Amino acid sequence: TAQGYKVDQWFINGQVQNQLTGRPFIFWQIKAKTEVKVTFRKEQMYEVDYKPDNEWGTIEAYYYDGGRKVTVEPKAKVKEGTFVEFQATVKEGYALDGWTNNGHEIPVADIETLKASLTLRANAVIDVKYHKLVVKHAVTFTAGEGGTIVATVGTEAKAIESKDQVEQGAVITFTATPKEGYELDHWMVGGKPAVAGADTKIEGNKLIVTLGDQDLKVEATFKKLIVKH
């Protein structure tokens, strides 16, 4: 066939042979005078679109041509009938639920290997369904002699108990209350004196911490007030 064209239909003695559609060659038993005719059609080029970089991770698209891997860039034109594969790389904290083409689920998607594939018959717009994993860590807080400590989470100030599991990224407010004759001495975070920074704020008797990617241990220490006479 000429470049850019492919076999369309075969006709035997004027009758179209639908079972042979698209075949580049055929076998036919000749028992009498036989007229064979073949028609060609121009190969269609279809657009493959997808977003390579996403909140949840990345997508790579490609196909193989004679054993050679060919990358398919977003909005690239690809010949119809091409077997195109899509590989996802998911960031930590996210999970892939499925693949879609033009909003419809791709049934051949393999979620375990994070791959999907399709034989191109029309323009394709590829996307994925995903969800964010909820990662939690233990939050332990104690008060030394001379006071008490309580903790709340978020703007709704939901109270938590020591050793509760709290979602990563949550903002936790610890409030120290000295007993009579005592005052707050200092805050300890992870066994070290608390230092104000991007994820840690100290406001009076309050310590405000954005929970990172590990368990959190907080202690409030108190000291006796010096009474002068």
Foldseek 3Di string as FASTA:
>chain_A
DPPQKFWAWKAKQRRTDVVCGGPRDDDDDDDDDIDIDTDMDGWAWAFEAEDQQDPFWGKWKWADDPNDIGTHDGRRIDTAQTKMKMATDTDPQKAWDAKDWPRHTQVQQDRVRRMGIDGHDHHTYMDTDMDGHWDWEFEAEAEDPFWGKWKAWDPVRHTDHHRDIDTAQIKMKMAIDGDPQKAWDFKAKPNHTDDDDDQWDDDGRMIIGRHHDYYIYMYIYMDGDDDDD
